[in-house]
Amino acid sequence: MIKVLFFARLREQLSTNSLQIPASEHMTTELIRQQLASTDELWAKVMSADSLLVAVNQQITDWSHKVNTGDEVAFFPPVTGG
């Protein structure tokens, strides 16, 4: 299984902070995003945002990153600070 986390406004928009999905061979962060986006219109809108960021095991990565069983994938909006 892969643990998927949602932070900040994503958590609020989707009304969930985490879920688990089955791992499969050749799974990538982009495939997870597509799978989640196919849930319904709300998920499609949230998961297709151009500014969406992704991290695997607490390391920001890109959409081609391979994901394995036991990994933690987090989706979050751009981070600002000062």
C-alpha atoms as a PDB file:
ATOM      1  CA  MET A   1       0.000   0.000   0.000  1.00  0.00           C
ATOM      2  CA  ILE A   2       0.969   3.631  -0.527  1.00  0.00           C
ATOM      3  CA  LYS A   3      -0.042   6.262   2.010  1.00  0.00           C
ATOM      4  CA  VAL A   4      -1.258   9.477   0.370  1.00  0.00           C
ATOM      5  CA  LEU A   5      -1.373  12.701   2.390  1.00  0.00           C
ATOM      6  CA  PHE A   6      -3.034  16.035   1.615  1.00  0.00           C
ATOM      7  CA  PHE A   7      -1.965  19.316   3.213  1.00  0.00           C
ATOM      8  CA  ALA A   8      -3.273  22.854   3.656  1.00  0.00           C
ATOM      9  CA  ARG A   9      -6.159  23.852   1.405  1.00  0.00           C
ATOM     10  CA  LEU A  10      -6.092  20.488  -0.399  1.00  0.00           C
ATOM     11  CA  ARG A  11      -7.063  18.774   2.841  1.00  0.00           C
ATOM     12  CA  GLU A  12      -9.909  21.261   3.264  1.00  0.00           C
ATOM     13  CA  GLN A  13     -11.127  21.009  -0.342  1.00  0.00           C
ATOM     14  CA  LEU A  14     -11.085  17.200  -0.381  1.00  0.00           C
ATOM     15  CA  SER A  15     -12.313  16.772   3.208  1.00  0.00           C
ATOM     16  CA  THR A  16      -9.593  14.238   3.947  1.00  0.00           C
ATOM     17  CA  ASN A  17      -6.055  14.346   5.220  1.00  0.00           C
ATOM     18  CA  SER A  18      -4.952  10.905   4.058  1.00  0.00           C
ATOM     19  CA  LEU A  19      -5.871   7.701   2.295  1.00  0.00           C
ATOM     20  CA  GLN A  20      -4.199   4.500   1.224  1.00  0.00           C
ATOM     21  CA  ILE A  21      -4.044   3.141  -2.297  1.00  0.00           C
ATOM     22  CA  PRO A  22      -2.691  -0.161  -3.571  1.00  0.00           C
ATOM     23  CA  ALA A  23       0.779  -0.070  -5.066  1.00  0.00           C
ATOM     24  CA  SER A  24       1.371  -1.402  -8.538  1.00  0.00           C
ATOM     25  CA  GLU A  25       4.395  -1.968 -10.709  1.00  0.00           C
ATOM     26  CA  HIS A  26       5.603   1.159 -12.542  1.00  0.00           C
ATOM     27  CA  MET A  27       3.584   3.462 -10.250  1.00  0.00           C
ATOM     28  CA  THR A  28       4.631   7.125 -10.460  1.00  0.00           C
ATOM     29  CA  THR A  29       3.506  10.290  -8.745  1.00  0.00           C
ATOM     30  CA  GLU A  30       1.767  11.314 -11.985  1.00  0.00           C
ATOM     31  CA  LEU A  31      -0.160   8.037 -12.164  1.00  0.00           C
ATOM     32  CA  ILE A  32      -1.313   8.529  -8.578  1.00  0.00           C
ATOM     33  CA  ARG A  33      -2.428  12.057  -9.411  1.00  0.00           C
ATOM     34  CA  GLN A  34      -4.355  10.791 -12.445  1.00  0.00           C
ATOM     35  CA  GLN A  35      -5.950   7.997 -10.430  1.00  0.00           C
ATOM     36  CA  LEU A  36      -7.109  10.430  -7.757  1.00  0.00           C
ATOM     37  CA  ALA A  37      -8.326  12.931 -10.374  1.00  0.00           C
ATOM     38  CA  SER A  38     -10.575  10.259 -11.884  1.00  0.00           C
ATOM     39  CA  THR A  39     -12.547  10.012  -8.608  1.00  0.00           C
ATOM     40  CA  ASP A  40     -14.987  12.824  -9.459  1.00  0.00           C
ATOM     41  CA  GLU A  41     -15.162  16.450 -10.641  1.00  0.00           C
ATOM     42  CA  LEU A  42     -13.941  17.949  -7.365  1.00  0.00           C
ATOM     43  CA  TRP A  43     -10.930  15.634  -7.185  1.00  0.00           C
ATOM     44  CA  ALA A  44     -10.207  16.301 -10.873  1.00  0.00           C
ATOM     45  CA  LYS A  45     -10.186  20.058 -10.274  1.00  0.00           C
ATOM     46  CA  VAL A  46      -7.980  19.869  -7.173  1.00  0.00           C
ATOM     47  CA  MET A  47      -5.518  17.328  -8.554  1.00  0.00           C
ATOM     48  CA  SER A  48      -5.116  19.085 -11.919  1.00  0.00           C
ATOM     49  CA  ALA A  49      -3.984  22.422 -10.481  1.00  0.00           C
ATOM     50  CA  ASP A  50      -0.789  23.585 -12.196  1.00  0.00           C
ATOM     51  CA  SER A  51       0.680  24.730  -8.906  1.00  0.00           C
ATOM     52  CA  LEU A  52       0.238  21.371  -7.150  1.00  0.00           C
ATOM     53  CA  LEU A  53       3.417  20.047  -5.528  1.00  0.00           C
ATOM     54  CA  VAL A  54       4.288  16.465  -4.622  1.00  0.00           C
ATOM     55  CA  ALA A  55       6.715  14.828  -2.218  1.00  0.00           C
ATOM     56  CA  VAL A  56       7.683  11.188  -1.741  1.00  0.00           C
ATOM     57  CA  ASN A  57       8.928  10.194   1.682  1.00  0.00           C
ATOM     58  CA  GLN A  58       9.156  13.869   2.679  1.00  0.00           C
ATOM     59  CA  GLN A  59      11.306  14.886  -0.312  1.00  0.00           C
ATOM     60  CA  ILE A  60       9.839  17.209  -2.937  1.00  0.00           C
ATOM     61  CA  THR A  61      10.022  15.502  -6.300  1.00  0.00           C
ATOM     62  CA  ASP A  62       8.667  15.625  -9.841  1.00  0.00           C
ATOM     63  CA  TRP A  63       5.748  13.902 -11.533  1.00  0.00           C
ATOM     64  CA  SER A  64       7.843  11.077 -13.004  1.00  0.00           C
ATOM     65  CA  HIS A  65       9.120   9.848  -9.630  1.00  0.00           C
ATOM     66  CA  LYS A  66       8.652   6.097  -9.147  1.00  0.00           C
ATOM     67  CA  VAL A  67       6.606   5.149  -6.090  1.00  0.00           C
ATOM     68  CA  ASN A  68       6.985   1.829  -4.267  1.00  0.00           C
ATOM     69  CA  THR A  69       5.007  -0.145  -1.711  1.00  0.00           C
ATOM     70  CA  GLY A  70       5.347   1.493   1.703  1.00  0.00           C
ATOM     71  CA  ASP A  71       6.118   4.958   0.331  1.00  0.00           C
ATOM     72  CA  GLU A  72       4.364   8.070   1.570  1.00  0.00           C
ATOM     73  CA  VAL A  73       3.193  10.503  -1.121  1.00  0.00           C
ATOM     74  CA  ALA A  74       2.114  14.007  -0.121  1.00  0.00           C
ATOM     75  CA  PHE A  75       0.286  16.571  -2.234  1.00  0.00           C
ATOM     76  CA  PHE A  76       0.309  20.229  -1.236  1.00  0.00           C
ATOM     77  CA  PRO A  77      -0.023  23.760  -2.619  1.00  0.00           C
ATOM     78  CA  PRO A  78       2.998  26.016  -3.136  1.00  0.00           C
ATOM     79  CA  VAL A  79       4.690  26.961   0.111  1.00  0.00           C
ATOM     80  CA  THR A  80       5.334  30.596   0.968  1.00  0.00           C
ATOM     81  CA  GLY A  81       7.127  32.111   3.857  1.00  0.00           C
ATOM     82  CA  GLY A  82       9.329  34.865   4.936  1.00  0.00           C
END
